[in-house]
Full PDB file with SEQRES, HELIX, SHEET, SSBOND, CRYST1, ORIGX, SCALE, CONECT and MASTER records, all heavy atoms in Angstrom:
SEQRES   1 A   41  GLN ILE ALA GLN GLU ALA VAL GLN ALA ALA GLY LYS VAL          
SEQRES   2 A   41  VAL ARG PRO TYR PHE ARG GLN LEU LEU LEU HIS ALA ASP          
SEQRES   3 A   41  VAL LYS SER ASP GLU SER PRO VAL THR GLN ALA ASP ARG          
SEQRES   4 A   41  GLU SER                                                      
HELIX    1 AA1 ILE A    2  VAL A   14  1                                  13    
HELIX    2 AA2 ARG A   15  TYR A   17  5                                   3    
HELIX    3 AA3 GLN A   36  GLU A   40  1                                   5    
SHEET    1 AA1 2 ALA A  25  VAL A  27  0                                        
SHEET    2 AA1 2 PRO A  33  THR A  35 -1                                        
CRYST1    1.000    1.000    1.000  90.00  90.00  90.00 P 1           1          
ORIGX1      1.000000  0.000000  0.000000        0.00000                         
ORIGX2      0.000000  1.000000  0.000000        0.00000                         
ORIGX3      0.000000  0.000000  1.000000        0.00000                         
SCALE1      1.000000  0.000000  0.000000        0.00000                         
SCALE2      0.000000  1.000000  0.000000        0.00000                         
SCALE3      0.000000  0.000000  1.000000        0.00000                         
ATOM      1  N   GLN A   1       5.063 -17.077  12.363  1.00  0.00           N  
ATOM      2  CA  GLN A   1       4.396 -17.707  11.218  1.00  0.00           C  
ATOM      3  C   GLN A   1       3.170 -16.890  10.792  1.00  0.00           C  
ATOM      4  O   GLN A   1       2.923 -16.702   9.597  1.00  0.00           O  
ATOM      5  CB  GLN A   1       3.989 -19.135  11.589  1.00  0.00           C  
ATOM      6  CG  GLN A   1       3.547 -19.977  10.418  1.00  0.00           C  
ATOM      7  CD  GLN A   1       3.359 -21.436  10.804  1.00  0.00           C  
ATOM      8  OE1 GLN A   1       3.379 -21.796  11.977  1.00  0.00           O  
ATOM      9  NE2 GLN A   1       3.178 -22.293   9.822  1.00  0.00           N  
ATOM     10  N   ILE A   2       2.420 -16.398  11.764  1.00  0.00           N  
ATOM     11  CA  ILE A   2       1.251 -15.573  11.471  1.00  0.00           C  
ATOM     12  C   ILE A   2       1.676 -14.270  10.799  1.00  0.00           C  
ATOM     13  O   ILE A   2       1.075 -13.827   9.811  1.00  0.00           O  
ATOM     14  CB  ILE A   2       0.465 -15.288  12.763  1.00  0.00           C  
ATOM     15  CG1 ILE A   2      -0.141 -16.584  13.309  1.00  0.00           C  
ATOM     16  CG2 ILE A   2      -0.613 -14.236  12.527  1.00  0.00           C  
ATOM     17  CD1 ILE A   2      -0.644 -16.478  14.732  1.00  0.00           C  
ATOM     18  N   ALA A   3       2.729 -13.636  11.341  1.00  0.00           N  
ATOM     19  CA  ALA A   3       3.211 -12.376  10.773  1.00  0.00           C  
ATOM     20  C   ALA A   3       3.696 -12.571   9.343  1.00  0.00           C  
ATOM     21  O   ALA A   3       3.474 -11.710   8.471  1.00  0.00           O  
ATOM     22  CB  ALA A   3       4.327 -11.809  11.644  1.00  0.00           C  
ATOM     23  N   GLN A   4       4.352 -13.685   9.073  1.00  0.00           N  
ATOM     24  CA  GLN A   4       4.830 -13.935   7.711  1.00  0.00           C  
ATOM     25  C   GLN A   4       3.658 -14.178   6.758  1.00  0.00           C  
ATOM     26  O   GLN A   4       3.701 -13.744   5.595  1.00  0.00           O  
ATOM     27  CB  GLN A   4       5.790 -15.129   7.711  1.00  0.00           C  
ATOM     28  CG  GLN A   4       7.094 -14.852   8.414  1.00  0.00           C  
ATOM     29  CD  GLN A   4       8.234 -15.656   7.832  1.00  0.00           C  
ATOM     30  OE1 GLN A   4       8.753 -15.342   6.758  1.00  0.00           O  
ATOM     31  NE2 GLN A   4       8.627 -16.705   8.530  1.00  0.00           N  
ATOM     32  N   GLU A   5       2.636 -14.840   7.230  1.00  0.00           N  
ATOM     33  CA  GLU A   5       1.435 -15.022   6.399  1.00  0.00           C  
ATOM     34  C   GLU A   5       0.828 -13.661   6.050  1.00  0.00           C  
ATOM     35  O   GLU A   5       0.429 -13.415   4.900  1.00  0.00           O  
ATOM     36  CB  GLU A   5       0.412 -15.875   7.149  1.00  0.00           C  
ATOM     37  CG  GLU A   5      -0.878 -16.093   6.382  1.00  0.00           C  
ATOM     38  CD  GLU A   5      -1.952 -16.796   7.206  1.00  0.00           C  
ATOM     39  OE1 GLU A   5      -1.640 -17.302   8.304  1.00  0.00           O  
ATOM     40  OE2 GLU A   5      -3.127 -16.820   6.759  1.00  0.00           O  
ATOM     41  N   ALA A   6       0.776 -12.777   7.033  1.00  0.00           N  
ATOM     42  CA  ALA A   6       0.183 -11.455   6.818  1.00  0.00           C  
ATOM     43  C   ALA A   6       1.011 -10.609   5.864  1.00  0.00           C  
ATOM     44  O   ALA A   6       0.470  -9.936   4.971  1.00  0.00           O  
ATOM     45  CB  ALA A   6       0.012 -10.745   8.161  1.00  0.00           C  
ATOM     46  N   VAL A   7       2.329 -10.621   6.033  1.00  0.00           N  
ATOM     47  CA  VAL A   7       3.184  -9.794   5.179  1.00  0.00           C  
ATOM     48  C   VAL A   7       3.208 -10.337   3.753  1.00  0.00           C  
ATOM     49  O   VAL A   7       3.300  -9.575   2.770  1.00  0.00           O  
ATOM     50  CB  VAL A   7       4.596  -9.670   5.788  1.00  0.00           C  
ATOM     51  CG1 VAL A   7       5.490 -10.860   5.458  1.00  0.00           C  
ATOM     52  CG2 VAL A   7       5.275  -8.383   5.342  1.00  0.00           C  
ATOM     53  N   GLN A   8       3.078 -11.653   3.603  1.00  0.00           N  
ATOM     54  CA  GLN A   8       3.023 -12.257   2.271  1.00  0.00           C  
ATOM     55  C   GLN A   8       1.750 -11.819   1.549  1.00  0.00           C  
ATOM     56  O   GLN A   8       1.776 -11.473   0.361  1.00  0.00           O  
ATOM     57  CB  GLN A   8       3.064 -13.780   2.405  1.00  0.00           C  
ATOM     58  CG  GLN A   8       3.319 -14.510   1.107  1.00  0.00           C  
ATOM     59  CD  GLN A   8       4.780 -14.450   0.674  1.00  0.00           C  
ATOM     60  OE1 GLN A   8       5.639 -14.057   1.439  1.00  0.00           O  
ATOM     61  NE2 GLN A   8       5.038 -14.819  -0.560  1.00  0.00           N  
ATOM     62  N   ALA A   9       0.644 -11.808   2.269  1.00  0.00           N  
ATOM     63  CA  ALA A   9      -0.626 -11.379   1.675  1.00  0.00           C  
ATOM     64  C   ALA A   9      -0.582  -9.900   1.306  1.00  0.00           C  
ATOM     65  O   ALA A   9      -1.104  -9.487   0.260  1.00  0.00           O  
ATOM     66  CB  ALA A   9      -1.768 -11.649   2.652  1.00  0.00           C  
ATOM     67  N   ALA A  10       0.056  -9.093   2.160  1.00  0.00           N  
ATOM     68  CA  ALA A  10       0.168  -7.657   1.873  1.00  0.00           C  
ATOM     69  C   ALA A  10       1.002  -7.407   0.623  1.00  0.00           C  
ATOM     70  O   ALA A  10       0.697  -6.517  -0.177  1.00  0.00           O  
ATOM     71  CB  ALA A  10       0.773  -6.938   3.070  1.00  0.00           C  
ATOM     72  N   GLY A  11       2.051  -8.184   0.433  1.00  0.00           N  
ATOM     73  CA  GLY A  11       2.879  -8.030  -0.761  1.00  0.00           C  
ATOM     74  C   GLY A  11       2.094  -8.255  -2.038  1.00  0.00           C  
ATOM     75  O   GLY A  11       2.286  -7.560  -3.035  1.00  0.00           O  
ATOM     76  N   LYS A  12       1.180  -9.223  -2.015  1.00  0.00           N  
ATOM     77  CA  LYS A  12       0.338  -9.489  -3.190  1.00  0.00           C  
ATOM     78  C   LYS A  12      -0.581  -8.304  -3.491  1.00  0.00           C  
ATOM     79  O   LYS A  12      -0.929  -8.057  -4.651  1.00  0.00           O  
ATOM     80  CB  LYS A  12      -0.494 -10.746  -2.955  1.00  0.00           C  
ATOM     81  CG  LYS A  12       0.334 -12.020  -2.918  1.00  0.00           C  
ATOM     82  CD  LYS A  12      -0.543 -13.235  -2.656  1.00  0.00           C  
ATOM     83  CE  LYS A  12       0.280 -14.515  -2.589  1.00  0.00           C  
ATOM     84  NZ  LYS A  12      -0.560 -15.701  -2.301  1.00  0.00           N  
ATOM     85  N   VAL A  13      -0.971  -7.569  -2.456  1.00  0.00           N  
ATOM     86  CA  VAL A  13      -1.805  -6.375  -2.632  1.00  0.00           C  
ATOM     87  C   VAL A  13      -0.982  -5.219  -3.199  1.00  0.00           C  
ATOM     88  O   VAL A  13      -1.426  -4.486  -4.091  1.00  0.00           O  
ATOM     89  CB  VAL A  13      -2.436  -5.965  -1.284  1.00  0.00           C  
ATOM     90  CG1 VAL A  13      -3.041  -4.574  -1.368  1.00  0.00           C  
ATOM     91  CG2 VAL A  13      -3.483  -6.982  -0.862  1.00  0.00           C  
ATOM     92  N   VAL A  14       0.232  -5.057  -2.689  1.00  0.00           N  
ATOM     93  CA  VAL A  14       1.049  -3.888  -3.015  1.00  0.00           C  
ATOM     94  C   VAL A  14       1.646  -3.961  -4.421  1.00  0.00           C  
ATOM     95  O   VAL A  14       1.688  -2.957  -5.153  1.00  0.00           O  
ATOM     96  CB  VAL A  14       2.173  -3.728  -1.953  1.00  0.00           C  
ATOM     97  CG1 VAL A  14       3.223  -2.714  -2.410  1.00  0.00           C  
ATOM     98  CG2 VAL A  14       1.574  -3.322  -0.617  1.00  0.00           C  
ATOM     99  N   ARG A  15       2.114  -5.128  -4.821  1.00  0.00           N  
ATOM    100  CA  ARG A  15       2.865  -5.241  -6.078  1.00  0.00           C  
ATOM    101  C   ARG A  15       2.124  -4.701  -7.305  1.00  0.00           C  
ATOM    102  O   ARG A  15       2.731  -3.997  -8.128  1.00  0.00           O  
ATOM    103  CB  ARG A  15       3.286  -6.698  -6.314  1.00  0.00           C  
ATOM    104  CG  ARG A  15       4.551  -7.079  -5.569  1.00  0.00           C  
ATOM    105  CD  ARG A  15       5.094  -8.436  -6.025  1.00  0.00           C  
ATOM    106  NE  ARG A  15       4.259  -9.520  -5.539  1.00  0.00           N  
ATOM    107  CZ  ARG A  15       4.409 -10.124  -4.362  1.00  0.00           C  
ATOM    108  NH1 ARG A  15       5.379  -9.740  -3.551  1.00  0.00           N  
ATOM    109  NH2 ARG A  15       3.619 -11.115  -4.001  1.00  0.00           N  
ATOM    110  N   PRO A  16       0.822  -4.956  -7.488  1.00  0.00           N  
ATOM    111  CA  PRO A  16       0.158  -4.440  -8.694  1.00  0.00           C  
ATOM    112  C   PRO A  16       0.102  -2.915  -8.769  1.00  0.00           C  
ATOM    113  O   PRO A  16      -0.076  -2.355  -9.864  1.00  0.00           O  
ATOM    114  CB  PRO A  16      -1.259  -5.028  -8.594  1.00  0.00           C  
ATOM    115  CG  PRO A  16      -1.115  -6.233  -7.732  1.00  0.00           C  
ATOM    116  CD  PRO A  16      -0.057  -5.873  -6.741  1.00  0.00           C  
ATOM    117  N   TYR A  17       0.241  -2.238  -7.641  1.00  0.00           N  
ATOM    118  CA  TYR A  17       0.191  -0.772  -7.639  1.00  0.00           C  
ATOM    119  C   TYR A  17       1.551  -0.126  -7.943  1.00  0.00           C  
ATOM    120  O   TYR A  17       1.613   1.075  -8.241  1.00  0.00           O  
ATOM    121  CB  TYR A  17      -0.276  -0.262  -6.270  1.00  0.00           C  
ATOM    122  CG  TYR A  17      -1.749  -0.433  -6.005  1.00  0.00           C  
ATOM    123  CD1 TYR A  17      -2.204  -1.439  -5.164  1.00  0.00           C  
ATOM    124  CD2 TYR A  17      -2.697   0.415  -6.575  1.00  0.00           C  
ATOM    125  CE1 TYR A  17      -3.565  -1.597  -4.894  1.00  0.00           C  
ATOM    126  CE2 TYR A  17      -4.049   0.276  -6.320  1.00  0.00           C  
ATOM    127  CZ  TYR A  17      -4.477  -0.735  -5.474  1.00  0.00           C  
ATOM    128  OH  TYR A  17      -5.816  -0.891  -5.215  1.00  0.00           O  
ATOM    129  N   PHE A  18       2.614  -0.900  -7.867  1.00  0.00           N  
ATOM    130  CA  PHE A  18       3.950  -0.324  -8.001  1.00  0.00           C  
ATOM    131  C   PHE A  18       4.187   0.178  -9.427  1.00  0.00           C  
ATOM    132  O   PHE A  18       3.940  -0.529 -10.396  1.00  0.00           O  
ATOM    133  CB  PHE A  18       5.007  -1.362  -7.630  1.00  0.00           C  
ATOM    134  CG  PHE A  18       6.414  -0.835  -7.595  1.00  0.00           C  
ATOM    135  CD1 PHE A  18       6.770   0.164  -6.712  1.00  0.00           C  
ATOM    136  CD2 PHE A  18       7.382  -1.338  -8.445  1.00  0.00           C  
ATOM    137  CE1 PHE A  18       8.070   0.650  -6.664  1.00  0.00           C  
ATOM    138  CE2 PHE A  18       8.688  -0.868  -8.410  1.00  0.00           C  
ATOM    139  CZ  PHE A  18       9.027   0.138  -7.517  1.00  0.00           C  
ATOM    140  N   ARG A  19       4.649   1.415  -9.551  1.00  0.00           N  
ATOM    141  CA  ARG A  19       4.931   2.099 -10.812  1.00  0.00           C  
ATOM    142  C   ARG A  19       3.707   2.250 -11.709  1.00  0.00           C  
ATOM    143  O   ARG A  19       3.827   2.315 -12.945  1.00  0.00           O  
ATOM    144  CB  ARG A  19       6.081   1.416 -11.559  1.00  0.00           C  
ATOM    145  CG  ARG A  19       7.412   1.559 -10.812  1.00  0.00           C  
ATOM    146  CD  ARG A  19       8.590   0.982 -11.542  1.00  0.00           C  
ATOM    147  NE  ARG A  19       9.807   1.167 -10.744  1.00  0.00           N  
ATOM    148  CZ  ARG A  19      10.953   0.547 -10.982  1.00  0.00           C  
ATOM    149  NH1 ARG A  19      11.066  -0.289 -11.996  1.00  0.00           N  
ATOM    150  NH2 ARG A  19      12.005   0.763 -10.202  1.00  0.00           N  
ATOM    151  N   GLN A  20       2.534   2.371 -11.086  1.00  0.00           N  
ATOM    152  CA  GLN A  20       1.321   2.693 -11.823  1.00  0.00           C  
ATOM    153  C   GLN A  20       1.180   4.215 -11.891  1.00  0.00           C  
ATOM    154  O   GLN A  20       1.052   4.879 -10.862  1.00  0.00           O  
ATOM    155  CB  GLN A  20       0.104   2.072 -11.146  1.00  0.00           C  
ATOM    156  CG  GLN A  20       0.101   0.562 -11.175  1.00  0.00           C  
ATOM    157  CD  GLN A  20       0.142   0.004 -12.589  1.00  0.00           C  
ATOM    158  OE1 GLN A  20      -0.697   0.343 -13.419  1.00  0.00           O  
ATOM    159  NE2 GLN A  20       1.127  -0.839 -12.864  1.00  0.00           N  
ATOM    160  N   LEU A  21       1.215   4.760 -13.094  1.00  0.00           N  
ATOM    161  CA  LEU A  21       1.281   6.213 -13.258  1.00  0.00           C  
ATOM    162  C   LEU A  21       0.034   6.923 -12.754  1.00  0.00           C  
ATOM    163  O   LEU A  21       0.082   8.100 -12.408  1.00  0.00           O  
ATOM    164  CB  LEU A  21       1.519   6.556 -14.728  1.00  0.00           C  
ATOM    165  CG  LEU A  21       2.833   6.061 -15.330  1.00  0.00           C  
ATOM    166  CD1 LEU A  21       2.953   6.514 -16.778  1.00  0.00           C  
ATOM    167  CD2 LEU A  21       4.027   6.581 -14.523  1.00  0.00           C  
ATOM    168  N   LEU A  22      -1.091   6.245 -12.696  1.00  0.00           N  
ATOM    169  CA  LEU A  22      -2.332   6.883 -12.264  1.00  0.00           C  
ATOM    170  C   LEU A  22      -2.605   6.686 -10.768  1.00  0.00           C  
ATOM    171  O   LEU A  22      -3.681   7.014 -10.293  1.00  0.00           O  
ATOM    172  CB  LEU A  22      -3.513   6.347 -13.076  1.00  0.00           C  
ATOM    173  CG  LEU A  22      -3.441   6.609 -14.586  1.00  0.00           C  
ATOM    174  CD1 LEU A  22      -4.653   6.019 -15.291  1.00  0.00           C  
ATOM    175  CD2 LEU A  22      -3.338   8.108 -14.871  1.00  0.00           C  
ATOM    176  N   LEU A  23      -1.629   6.172 -10.034  1.00  0.00           N  
ATOM    177  CA  LEU A  23      -1.809   5.953  -8.604  1.00  0.00           C  
ATOM    178  C   LEU A  23      -1.940   7.293  -7.888  1.00  0.00           C  
ATOM    179  O   LEU A  23      -1.042   8.136  -7.929  1.00  0.00           O  
ATOM    180  CB  LEU A  23      -0.628   5.172  -8.030  1.00  0.00           C  
ATOM    181  CG  LEU A  23      -0.683   4.853  -6.536  1.00  0.00           C  
ATOM    182  CD1 LEU A  23      -1.877   3.955  -6.230  1.00  0.00           C  
ATOM    183  CD2 LEU A  23       0.619   4.197  -6.086  1.00  0.00           C  
ATOM    184  N   HIS A  24      -3.060   7.490  -7.219  1.00  0.00           N  
ATOM    185  CA  HIS A  24      -3.322   8.754  -6.533  1.00  0.00           C  
ATOM    186  C   HIS A  24      -2.823   8.681  -5.100  1.00  0.00           C  
ATOM    187  O   HIS A  24      -2.932   7.658  -4.430  1.00  0.00           O  
ATOM    188  CB  HIS A  24      -4.821   9.048  -6.523  1.00  0.00           C  
ATOM    189  CG  HIS A  24      -5.192  10.253  -5.717  1.00  0.00           C  
ATOM    190  ND1 HIS A  24      -4.920  11.539  -6.143  1.00  0.00           N  
ATOM    191  CD2 HIS A  24      -5.796  10.361  -4.498  1.00  0.00           C  
ATOM    192  CE1 HIS A  24      -5.355  12.387  -5.225  1.00  0.00           C  
ATOM    193  NE2 HIS A  24      -5.875  11.704  -4.223  1.00  0.00           N  
ATOM    194  N   ALA A  25      -2.265   9.787  -4.628  1.00  0.00           N  
ATOM    195  CA  ALA A  25      -1.802   9.887  -3.241  1.00  0.00           C  
ATOM    196  C   ALA A  25      -2.525  11.030  -2.544  1.00  0.00           C  
ATOM    197  O   ALA A  25      -2.474  12.179  -3.001  1.00  0.00           O  
ATOM    198  CB  ALA A  25      -0.299  10.109  -3.200  1.00  0.00           C  
ATOM    199  N   ASP A  26      -3.208  10.727  -1.461  1.00  0.00           N  
ATOM    200  CA  ASP A  26      -3.787  11.752  -0.606  1.00  0.00           C  
ATOM    201  C   ASP A  26      -2.734  12.238   0.380  1.00  0.00           C  
ATOM    202  O   ASP A  26      -1.739  11.556   0.657  1.00  0.00           O  
ATOM    203  CB  ASP A  26      -4.983  11.184   0.172  1.00  0.00           C  
ATOM    204  CG  ASP A  26      -6.131  10.791  -0.742  1.00  0.00           C  
ATOM    205  OD1 ASP A  26      -6.424  11.564  -1.681  1.00  0.00           O  
ATOM    206  OD2 ASP A  26      -6.717   9.711  -0.529  1.00  0.00           O  
ATOM    207  N   VAL A  27      -2.965  13.426   0.926  1.00  0.00           N  
ATOM    208  CA  VAL A  27      -2.048  13.982   1.922  1.00  0.00           C  
ATOM    209  C   VAL A  27      -2.733  13.958   3.283  1.00  0.00           C  
ATOM    210  O   VAL A  27      -3.821  14.502   3.451  1.00  0.00           O  
ATOM    211  CB  VAL A  27      -1.632  15.432   1.554  1.00  0.00           C  
ATOM    212  CG1 VAL A  27      -0.696  16.002   2.623  1.00  0.00           C  
ATOM    213  CG2 VAL A  27      -0.948  15.448   0.190  1.00  0.00           C  
ATOM    214  N   LYS A  28      -2.088  13.312   4.245  1.00  0.00           N  
ATOM    215  CA  LYS A  28      -2.660  13.196   5.582  1.00  0.00           C  
ATOM    216  C   LYS A  28      -2.394  14.465   6.402  1.00  0.00           C  
ATOM    217  O   LYS A  28      -1.701  15.386   5.948  1.00  0.00           O  
ATOM    218  CB  LYS A  28      -2.079  11.965   6.279  1.00  0.00           C  
ATOM    219  CG  LYS A  28      -2.433  10.652   5.576  1.00  0.00           C  
ATOM    220  CD  LYS A  28      -2.063   9.442   6.392  1.00  0.00           C  
ATOM    221  CE  LYS A  28      -0.582   9.227   6.470  1.00  0.00           C  
ATOM    222  NZ  LYS A  28      -0.225   7.936   7.097  1.00  0.00           N  
ATOM    223  N   SER A  29      -2.914  14.481   7.601  1.00  0.00           N  
ATOM    224  CA  SER A  29      -2.793  15.679   8.448  1.00  0.00           C  
ATOM    225  C   SER A  29      -1.347  16.010   8.788  1.00  0.00           C  
ATOM    226  O   SER A  29      -1.004  17.169   9.031  1.00  0.00           O  
ATOM    227  CB  SER A  29      -3.597  15.496   9.737  1.00  0.00           C  
ATOM    228  OG  SER A  29      -3.139  14.362  10.457  1.00  0.00           O  
ATOM    229  N   ASP A  30      -0.471  14.988   8.817  1.00  0.00           N  
ATOM    230  CA  ASP A  30       0.951  15.243   9.095  1.00  0.00           C  
ATOM    231  C   ASP A  30       1.741  15.524   7.823  1.00  0.00           C  
ATOM    232  O   ASP A  30       2.965  15.540   7.832  1.00  0.00           O  
ATOM    233  CB  ASP A  30       1.570  14.079   9.860  1.00  0.00           C  
ATOM    234  CG  ASP A  30       1.559  12.775   9.049  1.00  0.00           C  
ATOM    235  OD1 ASP A  30       1.030  12.778   7.911  1.00  0.00           O  
ATOM    236  OD2 ASP A  30       2.075  11.768   9.559  1.00  0.00           O  
ATOM    237  N   GLU A  31       1.013  15.721   6.708  1.00  0.00           N  
ATOM    238  CA  GLU A  31       1.581  16.051   5.398  1.00  0.00           C  
ATOM    239  C   GLU A  31       2.278  14.864   4.728  1.00  0.00           C  
ATOM    240  O   GLU A  31       2.951  15.030   3.713  1.00  0.00           O  
ATOM    241  CB  GLU A  31       2.515  17.262   5.466  1.00  0.00           C  
ATOM    242  CG  GLU A  31       1.797  18.542   5.921  1.00  0.00           C  
ATOM    243  CD  GLU A  31       2.684  19.768   5.837  1.00  0.00           C  
ATOM    244  OE1 GLU A  31       3.859  19.633   5.453  1.00  0.00           O  
ATOM    245  OE2 GLU A  31       2.184  20.862   6.136  1.00  0.00           O  
ATOM    246  N   SER A  32       2.135  13.682   5.268  1.00  0.00           N  
ATOM    247  CA  SER A  32       2.698  12.505   4.613  1.00  0.00           C  
ATOM    248  C   SER A  32       1.680  11.941   3.626  1.00  0.00           C  
ATOM    249  O   SER A  32       0.471  12.063   3.826  1.00  0.00           O  
ATOM    250  CB  SER A  32       3.077  11.445   5.642  1.00  0.00           C  
ATOM    251  OG  SER A  32       1.929  10.958   6.311  1.00  0.00           O  
ATOM    252  N   PRO A  33       2.152  11.315   2.541  1.00  0.00           N  
ATOM    253  CA  PRO A  33       1.225  10.783   1.541  1.00  0.00           C  
ATOM    254  C   PRO A  33       0.684   9.412   1.922  1.00  0.00           C  
ATOM    255  O   PRO A  33       1.327   8.654   2.657  1.00  0.00           O  
ATOM    256  CB  PRO A  33       2.101  10.683   0.287  1.00  0.00           C  
ATOM    257  CG  PRO A  33       3.478  10.428   0.826  1.00  0.00           C  
ATOM    258  CD  PRO A  33       3.553  11.187   2.127  1.00  0.00           C  
ATOM    259  N   VAL A  34      -0.492   9.091   1.415  1.00  0.00           N  
ATOM    260  CA  VAL A  34      -1.069   7.770   1.598  1.00  0.00           C  
ATOM    261  C   VAL A  34      -1.794   7.392   0.314  1.00  0.00           C  
ATOM    262  O   VAL A  34      -2.423   8.232  -0.331  1.00  0.00           O  
ATOM    263  CB  VAL A  34      -2.030   7.724   2.811  1.00  0.00           C  
ATOM    264  CG1 VAL A  34      -3.191   8.685   2.635  1.00  0.00           C  
ATOM    265  CG2 VAL A  34      -2.542   6.308   3.060  1.00  0.00           C  
ATOM    266  N   THR A  35      -1.687   6.130  -0.082  1.00  0.00           N  
ATOM    267  CA  THR A  35      -2.304   5.658  -1.321  1.00  0.00           C  
ATOM    268  C   THR A  35      -3.287   4.524  -1.022  1.00  0.00           C  
ATOM    269  O   THR A  35      -3.343   4.008   0.095  1.00  0.00           O  
ATOM    270  CB  THR A  35      -1.236   5.129  -2.297  1.00  0.00           C  
ATOM    271  OG1 THR A  35      -0.702   3.895  -1.783  1.00  0.00           O  
ATOM    272  CG2 THR A  35      -0.111   6.128  -2.499  1.00  0.00           C  
ATOM    273  N   GLN A  36      -4.013   4.121  -2.048  1.00  0.00           N  
ATOM    274  CA  GLN A  36      -4.901   2.980  -1.902  1.00  0.00           C  
ATOM    275  C   GLN A  36      -4.113   1.719  -1.572  1.00  0.00           C  
ATOM    276  O   GLN A  36      -4.606   0.832  -0.862  1.00  0.00           O  
ATOM    277  CB  GLN A  36      -5.704   2.782  -3.190  1.00  0.00           C  
ATOM    278  CG  GLN A  36      -6.792   1.726  -3.094  1.00  0.00           C  
ATOM    279  CD  GLN A  36      -7.874   2.071  -2.066  1.00  0.00           C  
ATOM    280  OE1 GLN A  36      -8.035   3.226  -1.682  1.00  0.00           O  
ATOM    281  NE2 GLN A  36      -8.610   1.069  -1.635  1.00  0.00           N  
ATOM    282  N   ALA A  37      -2.888   1.640  -2.052  1.00  0.00           N  
ATOM    283  CA  ALA A  37      -2.046   0.488  -1.744  1.00  0.00           C  
ATOM    284  C   ALA A  37      -1.758   0.408  -0.248  1.00  0.00           C  
ATOM    285  O   ALA A  37      -1.783  -0.684   0.341  1.00  0.00           O  
ATOM    286  CB  ALA A  37      -0.739   0.562  -2.530  1.00  0.00           C  
ATOM    287  N   ASP A  38      -1.469   1.561   0.384  1.00  0.00           N  
ATOM    288  CA  ASP A  38      -1.255   1.585   1.839  1.00  0.00           C  
ATOM    289  C   ASP A  38      -2.487   1.056   2.564  1.00  0.00           C  
ATOM    290  O   ASP A  38      -2.392   0.211   3.472  1.00  0.00           O  
ATOM    291  CB  ASP A  38      -0.993   3.024   2.319  1.00  0.00           C  
ATOM    292  CG  ASP A  38       0.280   3.638   1.802  1.00  0.00           C  
ATOM    293  OD1 ASP A  38       0.296   4.065   0.631  1.00  0.00           O  
ATOM    294  OD2 ASP A  38       1.256   3.719   2.552  1.00  0.00           O  
ATOM    295  N   ARG A  39      -3.642   1.567   2.172  1.00  0.00           N  
ATOM    296  CA  ARG A  39      -4.887   1.219   2.876  1.00  0.00           C  
ATOM    297  C   ARG A  39      -5.221  -0.270   2.709  1.00  0.00           C  
ATOM    298  O   ARG A  39      -5.561  -0.954   3.674  1.00  0.00           O  
ATOM    299  CB  ARG A  39      -6.030   2.085   2.367  1.00  0.00           C  
ATOM    300  CG  ARG A  39      -5.835   3.591   2.622  1.00  0.00           C  
ATOM    301  CD  ARG A  39      -7.070   4.367   2.215  1.00  0.00           C  
ATOM    302  NE  ARG A  39      -6.895   5.802   2.408  1.00  0.00           N  
ATOM    303  CZ  ARG A  39      -6.642   6.669   1.445  1.00  0.00           C  
ATOM    304  NH1 ARG A  39      -6.523   6.241   0.178  1.00  0.00           N  
ATOM    305  NH2 ARG A  39      -6.504   7.949   1.698  1.00  0.00           N  
ATOM    306  N   GLU A  40      -5.127  -0.757   1.480  1.00  0.00           N  
ATOM    307  CA  GLU A  40      -5.469  -2.159   1.251  1.00  0.00           C  
ATOM    308  C   GLU A  40      -4.462  -3.094   1.918  1.00  0.00           C  
ATOM    309  O   GLU A  40      -4.833  -4.164   2.422  1.00  0.00           O  
ATOM    310  CB  GLU A  40      -5.540  -2.433  -0.251  1.00  0.00           C  
ATOM    311  CG  GLU A  40      -6.733  -1.785  -0.929  1.00  0.00           C  
ATOM    312  CD  GLU A  40      -6.835  -2.144  -2.402  1.00  0.00           C  
ATOM    313  OE1 GLU A  40      -6.160  -3.120  -2.827  1.00  0.00           O  
ATOM    314  OE2 GLU A  40      -7.572  -1.454  -3.131  1.00  0.00           O  
ATOM    315  N   SER A  41      -3.208  -2.698   1.914  1.00  0.00           N  
ATOM    316  CA  SER A  41      -2.186  -3.499   2.567  1.00  0.00           C  
ATOM    317  C   SER A  41      -2.473  -3.644   4.062  1.00  0.00           C  
ATOM    318  O   SER A  41      -2.434  -4.756   4.610  1.00  0.00           O  
ATOM    319  CB  SER A  41      -0.799  -2.857   2.368  1.00  0.00           C  
ATOM    320  OG  SER A  41       0.198  -3.556   3.081  1.00  0.00           O  
TER     321      SER A  41                                                      
MASTER        0    0    0    3    2    0    0    6  320    1    0    4          
END                                                                             
C-alpha cells in the first residue's frame, strides 16, 4: 500500500514532463541520461 502511494505520487510528477520539447537531459558518469523528471520522481 505504501509503495503504491509512492508510485502514484511519482506518476503525477512525471506526466507533465512527457513530450515536453524543452526537457533537458544531463549525462551521468555512466553516460546514461537523467532529467528533472527523474530527480523529482
